[in-house]
Structure formats: structure tokens, C-alpha cells
Protein backbone atom coordinates (compact mmCIF):
# COMPACT_ATOMS: atom_id res chain seq x y z
CA MET A 1 108.52 63.85 71.43
CA ILE A 2 106.04 65.17 68.90
CA ILE A 3 104.89 68.73 69.56
CA GLY A 4 101.91 70.18 67.72
CA VAL A 5 101.13 73.88 67.27
CA VAL A 6 97.62 74.60 66.04
CA LYS A 7 96.02 77.74 64.70
CA GLU A 8 94.05 79.52 67.42
CA ILE A 9 90.34 79.54 66.62
CA LYS A 10 88.96 81.52 69.55
CA ASP A 11 87.26 84.62 68.16
CA GLN A 12 89.83 87.18 66.95
CA GLU A 13 92.74 85.34 68.59
CA SER A 14 95.76 86.11 66.43
CA ARG A 15 98.63 84.84 68.59
CA VAL A 16 100.48 81.58 68.01
CA ALA A 17 102.24 79.57 70.71
CA ALA A 18 105.62 79.05 69.03
CA THR A 19 107.89 81.36 67.08
CA PRO A 20 110.20 79.93 64.40
CA ALA A 21 113.12 80.44 66.81
CA SER A 22 111.44 78.33 69.51
CA VAL A 23 110.65 75.66 66.92
CA LYS A 24 114.33 75.52 66.00
CA GLU A 25 115.26 74.79 69.64
CA LEU A 26 112.78 71.93 69.82
CA VAL A 27 113.91 70.41 66.53
CA GLU A 28 117.59 70.65 67.49
CA GLN A 29 116.77 68.57 70.59
CA GLY A 30 115.56 65.80 68.27
CA ASN A 31 111.84 66.48 68.56
CA THR A 32 109.31 66.56 65.74
CA VAL A 33 107.27 69.76 65.47
CA TYR A 34 104.04 69.91 63.49
CA ILE A 35 102.56 73.31 62.68
CA GLU A 36 99.05 73.71 61.33
CA LYS A 37 99.05 75.50 58.00
CA ALA A 38 98.93 79.32 58.36
CA ALA A 39 98.97 79.11 62.18
CA GLY A 40 101.52 81.90 62.49
CA LEU A 41 100.48 84.28 59.73
CA ALA A 42 98.70 86.80 61.96
CA SER A 43 101.83 87.02 64.10
CA GLY A 44 104.04 87.57 61.07
CA PHE A 45 105.35 84.01 60.62
CA THR A 46 104.88 82.30 57.26
CA ASP A 47 104.84 78.53 56.86
CA GLU A 48 108.14 78.86 55.03
CA LYS A 49 109.76 80.42 58.11
CA TYR A 50 108.71 77.44 60.21
CA ILE A 51 109.85 74.98 57.57
CA SER A 52 113.26 76.66 57.45
CA LYS A 53 113.64 75.95 61.17
CA GLY A 54 112.76 72.27 60.80
CA ALA A 55 109.00 72.17 61.35
CA THR A 56 106.57 70.11 59.26
CA ILE A 57 103.43 71.87 58.07
CA LEU A 58 100.17 69.92 58.22
CA ASP A 59 97.05 71.02 56.39
CA THR A 60 94.49 70.56 59.16
CA ALA A 61 94.13 70.98 62.90
CA LYS A 62 92.83 67.41 63.08
CA GLU A 63 96.13 66.06 61.79
CA VAL A 64 98.14 68.10 64.27
CA TRP A 65 96.00 67.12 67.26
CA GLU A 66 95.99 63.42 66.34
CA LYS A 67 99.71 63.10 65.59
CA SER A 68 101.07 65.04 68.58
CA ASP A 69 102.11 64.03 72.10
CA ILE A 70 101.92 67.65 73.28
CA ILE A 71 99.63 70.37 71.98
CA TYR A 72 101.33 73.72 72.51
CA LYS A 73 98.82 76.52 72.13
CA VAL A 74 97.87 79.95 73.44
CA LYS A 75 94.26 79.76 74.57
CA GLU A 76 92.25 76.97 76.12
CA PRO A 77 90.58 74.43 73.82
CA ILE A 78 87.10 75.57 72.86
CA GLU A 79 84.14 73.25 72.35
CA SER A 80 84.86 72.47 68.70
CA GLU A 81 88.28 71.18 69.80
CA TYR A 82 87.02 68.92 72.59
CA LYS A 83 86.71 66.04 70.13
CA TYR A 84 90.49 65.97 69.80
CA LEU A 85 91.15 65.47 73.52
CA ARG A 86 92.28 61.96 74.43
CA PRO A 87 93.97 59.98 77.22
CA GLY A 88 97.68 60.67 77.55
CA LEU A 89 97.64 63.89 75.54
CA ILE A 90 99.41 66.87 77.10
CA VAL A 91 97.88 70.31 76.53
CA TYR A 92 100.23 73.18 77.40
CA SER A 93 98.31 76.45 77.24
CA TYR A 94 96.45 79.16 79.14
CA LEU A 95 93.51 77.22 80.56
CA HIS A 96 91.70 79.11 83.39
CA LEU A 97 89.92 75.91 84.42
CA SER A 98 88.26 77.32 87.55
CA ALA A 99 86.19 79.57 85.31
CA ASP A 100 85.45 76.83 82.78
CA PRO A 101 83.78 73.80 84.40
CA LYS A 102 82.85 72.27 81.04
CA LEU A 103 86.44 72.19 79.80
CA THR A 104 87.62 70.89 83.18
CA LYS A 105 85.17 67.99 82.94
CA GLU A 106 86.42 67.19 79.44
CA MET A 107 90.02 67.18 80.64
CA ILE A 108 89.11 64.84 83.49
CA ASP A 109 86.83 62.51 81.54
CA LYS A 110 89.37 62.11 78.73
CA LYS A 111 92.35 61.85 81.09
CA VAL A 112 94.23 64.72 79.51
CA THR A 113 97.30 66.14 81.22
CA SER A 114 96.68 69.88 81.29
CA ILE A 115 99.53 72.28 82.03
CA ALA A 116 98.29 75.82 82.59
CA PHE A 117 100.61 78.72 81.81
CA GLU A 118 98.85 80.84 84.40
CA THR A 119 99.54 78.57 87.40
CA ILE A 120 103.25 77.87 86.93
CA GLU A 121 104.67 79.62 89.96
CA VAL A 122 108.25 80.62 90.83
CA ASN A 123 108.98 82.37 94.14
CA ASP A 124 105.41 83.67 94.44
CA THR A 125 105.46 85.00 90.87
CA LEU A 126 103.68 83.78 87.74
CA PRO A 127 106.35 84.07 85.03
CA LEU A 128 104.21 82.74 82.18
CA LEU A 129 101.32 85.02 83.02
CA LYS A 130 103.45 88.12 83.52
CA PRO A 131 104.21 89.01 79.87
CA MET A 132 100.56 88.89 78.88
CA SER A 133 99.62 90.78 82.03
CA GLU A 134 102.01 93.52 80.93
CA VAL A 135 100.27 93.68 77.56
CA ALA A 136 96.75 93.46 78.99
CA GLY A 137 97.38 96.28 81.47
CA ARG A 138 98.58 98.62 78.76
CA MET A 139 95.81 97.63 76.37
CA ALA A 140 93.12 98.03 79.05
CA VAL A 141 93.83 101.75 79.35
CA GLN A 142 94.25 102.17 75.60
CA GLU A 143 90.94 100.48 74.89
CA GLY A 144 89.20 102.22 77.79
CA ALA A 145 90.31 105.61 76.48
CA LYS A 146 88.82 104.78 73.10
CA TYR A 147 85.43 103.86 74.54
CA LEU A 148 85.28 107.08 76.54
CA THR A 149 84.83 108.97 73.27
CA ILE A 150 81.39 110.02 72.05
CA PRO A 151 81.50 107.99 68.79
CA MET A 152 82.09 104.83 70.86
CA GLY A 153 79.22 105.65 73.25
CA GLY A 154 81.30 107.14 76.05
CA LYS A 155 80.88 110.36 77.99
CA GLY A 156 83.31 112.26 75.78
CA VAL A 157 86.31 112.61 78.08
CA LEU A 158 89.97 112.90 77.06
CA LEU A 159 92.30 111.12 79.47
CA GLU A 160 94.85 113.91 79.66
CA GLY A 161 92.46 116.84 79.58
CA VAL A 162 93.72 120.19 78.29
CA PRO A 163 94.84 123.44 79.98
CA GLY A 164 91.99 124.63 82.14
CA VAL A 165 90.13 121.28 81.96
CA SER A 166 90.60 118.45 84.44
CA PRO A 167 91.98 115.11 83.17
CA ALA A 168 89.94 111.94 83.32
CA HIS A 169 89.87 109.95 86.54
CA VAL A 170 91.19 106.40 86.08
CA VAL A 171 90.63 103.94 88.93
CA ILE A 172 92.80 100.82 88.88
CA ILE A 173 91.84 98.00 91.24
CA GLY A 174 94.70 95.68 92.18
CA SER A 175 98.42 96.02 92.75
CA GLY A 176 100.00 93.29 90.63
CA THR A 177 101.57 93.22 87.18
CA VAL A 178 98.43 94.21 85.27
CA ALA A 179 97.78 97.10 87.65
CA ASN A 180 101.35 98.30 87.34
CA ALA A 181 101.20 98.25 83.54
CA ALA A 182 97.81 99.98 83.51
CA THR A 183 99.05 102.64 85.93
CA ARG A 184 102.13 103.28 83.82
CA MET A 185 99.92 103.73 80.75
CA ALA A 186 97.32 105.92 82.47
CA VAL A 187 99.95 108.16 84.07
CA GLY A 188 101.75 108.42 80.75
CA MET A 189 98.52 109.52 79.09
CA GLY A 190 98.08 112.27 81.67
CA ALA A 191 95.11 110.93 83.62
CA ARG A 192 94.38 111.39 87.30
CA VAL A 193 95.02 107.90 88.66
CA THR A 194 93.80 106.15 91.80
CA VAL A 195 95.22 102.70 92.59
CA ILE A 196 93.25 100.56 95.04
CA GLY A 197 94.78 97.46 96.62
CA ARG A 198 95.10 95.38 99.77
CA ASN A 199 98.86 94.94 99.76
CA ILE A 200 100.24 98.01 101.56
CA GLU A 201 103.83 97.16 100.63
CA LYS A 202 102.95 97.02 96.93
CA LEU A 203 100.97 100.25 97.17
CA GLY A 204 104.06 101.83 98.70
CA LYS A 205 106.09 100.71 95.70
CA PHE A 206 103.53 102.30 93.40
CA ILE A 207 104.02 105.59 95.22
CA ASP A 208 107.80 105.24 94.97
CA VAL A 209 107.69 104.51 91.24
CA PHE A 210 105.05 107.05 90.28
CA SER A 211 106.09 109.62 92.90
CA GLY A 212 103.27 112.08 93.27
CA ALA A 213 101.55 111.16 90.01
CA ILE A 214 98.99 108.84 91.63
CA GLU A 215 96.92 108.44 94.77
CA THR A 216 96.41 105.11 96.53
CA LEU A 217 93.60 103.68 98.63
CA TYR A 218 93.34 100.55 100.74
CA SER A 219 90.80 98.18 99.22
CA THR A 220 87.55 98.23 101.14
CA PRO A 221 84.04 98.17 99.70
CA GLY A 222 83.53 101.72 100.91
CA ASN A 223 86.70 103.06 99.31
CA ILE A 224 85.94 101.31 96.03
CA GLU A 225 82.39 102.62 96.00
CA ASP A 226 83.52 106.20 96.65
CA ALA A 227 86.26 106.08 94.01
CA LEU A 228 83.93 104.67 91.37
CA LYS A 229 81.46 107.53 91.77
CA SER A 230 83.97 109.92 90.20
CA ALA A 231 85.70 107.41 87.90
CA ASP A 232 85.64 107.87 84.15
CA LEU A 233 87.53 104.62 83.53
CA VAL A 234 87.81 101.61 85.87
CA VAL A 235 90.36 98.87 85.23
CA SER A 236 89.87 95.85 87.49
CA THR A 237 92.88 93.54 87.63
CA VAL A 238 92.33 91.43 90.74
CA LEU A 239 93.57 87.85 90.41
CA THR A 240 94.12 84.95 92.80
CA PRO A 241 96.27 82.33 91.04
CA GLY A 242 94.18 79.46 89.72
CA HIS A 243 90.98 80.53 91.48
CA LYS A 244 87.86 81.95 89.91
CA ALA A 245 88.10 85.72 90.26
CA GLN A 246 86.58 87.30 93.37
CA LYS A 247 83.84 89.84 92.69
CA ILE A 248 85.34 93.14 93.87
CA VAL A 249 82.92 95.58 92.26
CA THR A 250 79.23 95.02 93.00
CA GLU A 251 76.35 95.78 90.69
CA GLU A 252 75.21 98.47 93.10
CA MET A 253 78.57 100.22 92.74
CA VAL A 254 78.20 100.15 88.96
CA LYS A 255 74.73 101.69 89.23
CA ASN A 256 76.26 104.66 91.08
CA MET A 257 78.80 105.39 88.34
CA GLU A 258 78.25 108.21 85.86
CA LYS A 259 76.59 107.25 82.58
CA GLY A 260 79.08 106.84 79.75
CA SER A 261 81.89 105.72 82.06
CA VAL A 262 83.88 102.63 81.10
CA ILE A 263 84.81 99.46 82.96
CA VAL A 264 87.53 97.12 81.69
CA ASP A 265 87.50 93.76 83.50
CA VAL A 266 90.93 92.26 82.85
CA ALA A 267 90.11 89.31 85.13
CA ILE A 268 87.34 88.09 82.83
CA ASP A 269 89.43 85.04 81.81
CA GLN A 270 89.07 83.86 85.41
CA GLY A 271 85.35 84.60 85.50
CA GLY A 272 85.49 88.36 86.02
CA SER A 273 85.91 90.56 89.09
CA ILE A 274 82.88 92.79 88.37
CA GLU A 275 79.40 91.49 89.20
CA THR A 276 78.00 92.95 85.99
CA THR A 277 80.49 91.12 83.74
CA GLU A 278 79.79 87.69 85.24
CA ASN A 279 78.51 85.31 82.53
CA HIS A 280 79.01 88.05 79.95
CA PRO A 281 82.52 87.70 78.48
CA THR A 282 83.02 89.49 75.17
CA SER A 283 85.34 89.22 72.17
CA TYR A 284 86.94 91.62 69.73
CA SER A 285 84.07 90.98 67.32
CA ASP A 286 81.67 92.50 69.86
CA PRO A 287 83.86 93.89 72.66
CA VAL A 288 81.47 95.87 74.84
CA PHE A 289 78.00 95.90 76.33
CA VAL A 290 76.18 98.59 78.29
CA LYS A 291 74.57 97.99 81.67
CA HIS A 292 73.22 100.71 83.97
CA GLY A 293 74.52 103.21 81.43
CA VAL A 294 78.12 102.07 81.91
CA ILE A 295 80.18 100.62 79.06
CA HIS A 296 81.64 97.20 79.98
CA TYR A 297 84.69 95.89 78.13
CA ALA A 298 85.15 92.19 78.93
CA VAL A 299 87.30 90.76 76.14
CA THR A 300 88.79 87.45 77.26
CA ASN A 301 91.92 87.62 75.13
CA ILE A 302 93.00 91.26 75.26
CA PRO A 303 96.63 90.62 74.18
CA GLY A 304 95.43 88.84 71.02
CA ALA A 305 94.89 92.20 69.32
CA VAL A 306 98.62 92.89 69.30
CA ALA A 307 99.74 89.46 68.19
CA LYS A 308 103.20 90.37 66.94
CA THR A 309 104.18 91.82 70.31
CA SER A 310 102.32 89.23 72.36
CA THR A 311 103.55 86.14 70.54
CA TYR A 312 107.21 87.00 71.00
CA ALA A 313 106.65 87.84 74.68
CA LEU A 314 104.66 84.67 75.30
CA SER A 315 107.09 82.39 73.49
CA ASN A 316 110.02 83.90 75.39
CA ALA A 317 108.35 82.88 78.64
CA THR A 318 106.83 79.50 77.77
CA SER A 319 109.48 77.90 75.54
CA LYS A 320 111.73 77.02 78.49
CA TYR A 321 109.24 74.52 79.87
CA ILE A 322 108.13 72.94 76.59
CA ASN A 323 111.81 72.28 75.91
CA LEU A 324 112.28 70.60 79.28
CA ILE A 325 109.13 68.49 78.96
CA ALA A 326 110.04 67.42 75.43
CA LYS A 327 113.63 66.59 76.43
CA TYR A 328 113.04 64.70 79.66
CA GLY A 329 109.38 63.70 79.63
CA LEU A 330 106.81 65.07 82.06
CA LYS A 331 107.90 63.28 85.24
CA ASP A 332 111.62 63.90 84.87
CA SER A 333 111.17 67.47 83.67
CA ILE A 334 109.91 68.33 87.16
CA LYS A 335 113.28 67.27 88.55
CA HIS A 336 114.89 69.98 86.42
CA ALA A 337 112.23 72.64 87.07
CA LYS A 338 110.01 71.81 90.02
CA GLU A 339 107.66 74.68 89.15
CA ILE A 340 106.29 72.63 86.24
CA ALA A 341 104.33 70.65 88.85
CA SER A 342 102.43 73.81 89.84
CA GLY A 343 101.25 74.14 86.25
CA ILE A 344 99.71 70.67 86.07
CA ASN A 345 95.99 71.14 86.72
CA THR A 346 94.70 67.71 85.66
CA TYR A 347 96.44 64.36 85.31
CA ASP A 348 95.07 60.91 84.48
CA GLY A 349 91.48 61.93 85.16
CA LYS A 350 92.16 63.72 88.43
CA VAL A 351 92.43 67.37 89.50
CA THR A 352 95.93 68.14 90.74
CA TYR A 353 95.65 71.88 91.34
CA LYS A 354 93.92 72.73 94.60
CA ALA A 355 92.31 76.01 93.52
CA VAL A 356 90.54 74.26 90.65
CA ALA A 357 89.40 71.41 92.90
CA ASP A 358 88.10 73.83 95.53
CA ASP A 359 86.29 76.11 93.10
CA LEU A 360 84.63 73.35 91.07
CA GLY A 361 84.00 70.79 93.81
CA TYR A 362 86.42 68.06 92.74
CA ASP A 363 88.58 65.90 94.97
CA PHE A 364 92.14 67.20 95.05
CA HIS A 365 94.97 64.78 94.36
CA GLU A 366 98.62 65.45 95.07
CA LEU A 367 100.52 65.13 91.80
CA SER A 368 103.42 63.40 93.52
CA ASP A 369 101.09 60.54 94.47
CA LEU A 370 100.10 59.99 90.85
CA LEU A 371 103.37 60.26 88.93
């Protein structure tokens, strides 16, 4: 097959889908790999490195899109890339279709096969989402700490505090991978940490891991509201696979927070889990906005800021499936890794992932009936 890797053009997105090592694997299988010129530079990969592993460099994104059977990328196609979508093309990427009805319509109308990293599921885990969740959780606390400083508009609080002065209060909503990474970072930075979640078993594991360094609360509107009143930094991580994010924090709760506090909405890719971030995603060019005196950080590609770390982690997770699809074709690749089917969100003009169909009002079609 012909695999194309394009340069990411979403604002301040510095990752690239394939490392030179993953390109080598694909080429050794007999595939052709096209890389857009300079696609990997921000992640530390020169064109020469790709060429040495067997890739062909093309000058423009247009050439890569038009010549490839599969487009292997990091972030979802943005509007300027819609013109390249066509029947039979496979796009293998983070997609977040439930939060992007316009892109979903394009995928359906142009009969694109879309395979979403974030919905490939193995034993109730999301292995292609996990590495970026690890990065996003750590970065959320790092970025939140920065915006708590006076020069960045915050209330002027140090996470760790100093002798005789209380540390900052960090509230982390959720109990999955992002929450775990954020908790690890916040505890490591010396903050007072409250983790709020609905899964009692997972909250118990948090207590076991962070023994005595955190407090936990069961997730109810009342508990969230009370915790936010004393929070300096809130990191919301709530995610339901494939679905648009549920609004966990209401605007009224935000109004009751202290001025100069910071909210980081890590679920913004899926539409956001804070009422005040809905319809207000941000980017690294303009990462925050202030509402009700509270700083909101709603960057949709948080791991893109640390591209060298993120690209290796992402490629390690995603290369397995691109190799299988390229080797066996889409239908037969599912026989070798049935979880690939859970990643296919659209196929031949139909929605094949139930959460997307439910959230956006499309008819759901079983993939097995279409292949």
C-alpha cells in the first residue's frame, strides 16, 4: 500500500505521525511511504533521516494526499484539508468526530474510511490514547502552575508553598490515565491534591499509589462545587470513549471560584467538560481566556508542545496497526487485530461507531455488515 505522512497544520501542532524507525518497518513490508517535505523537523527528524529509511519526500501536502491510500497523521483534518478527502481514502488519526460535526459530514459525504486513534479499544483500555493522555496530564499541571503566577494573570500562588505557607489546592476531576498523570505531577510539585471521580475502585487505587498524599471525593455536583470554591487549579479529565464530553463543571460553579484561579480542560478535544469552555477551544498561539475572573486553558493539542517526547510515544502505540492495515488490507487486518474495528468511525459513507452516531444523530451501521 501507499502510506502518506503529511505535515500537521493545526495551529502550533509540532508532532508527526511516523518516526523514521516506523517508516523503515513499513518499507521493509514492501509498502511505499511518502513524507511531506519538512514534516518531521519539529520532532527532530530531518528529511534525510526519512530517506535513509526508505521514504520518498514529496514537496507538497497535495501530492501526498493525492498519491496515498492511507493518510497517517496526528490530528484530525482541518477545513483547508477537506478538499483532499475522497472516496476510498483511509485516514488514520486522532479524529474526535462527536465534537466535530462538520468533519464528520465531510467524511460521510466523501465516503472516507476514518480510523480514530482514540476509539481503538483493547480490554476496556484505549492504548492509542493512553500515551498522549500521560503527556496531557503532566502538561496540564505544568501549564496550570504557570498561569497561577501574577505575570500570567493568576492569583500568585506557588504550587508547593513554602515553610509556614500552605501549598496550592489542585482539584483533579476524573480517575483515568490523564487524572493519574496529573495527580502524579501535582503531588510531585508539592500541591494539596483532591481527586474527584465516580469509580470507587479507581479512587482506591489512587489512595494506594499516593498513600496519604491526596484526598478523594465521590463525584457529585455538590462535592465538585465545594471543592472548586477552594481550588487554585482545576484539571478536568473526564472522558467517555467516542462521545462528546459530558459537562461536569457548570458555569455557576466557575462563578464561585476565586478570581485568578485556573481551569485546564483536558477534554476540550471532545468538546470540553466545563460549561465555560464549550465553543471556546484555544491553541498555543492564544492559550487562555478569562471568564468570571477565572483563567481557562483549553488548548486542543496539549501534547503538541513537547513534540519530541510525544511523537515517539504516539508512534510506539500507533505503528502496530498501520503495519497490519498496510500488510493485510483493512478487512483482513481485523482478523489479526479485532480491535481495529473499534477504531473505524466511518466507512463508505456510513457511521460505524455508535457514540458518534448517537451524539450527532446519524444512523448507526454495524461495520461487519458493510465489509
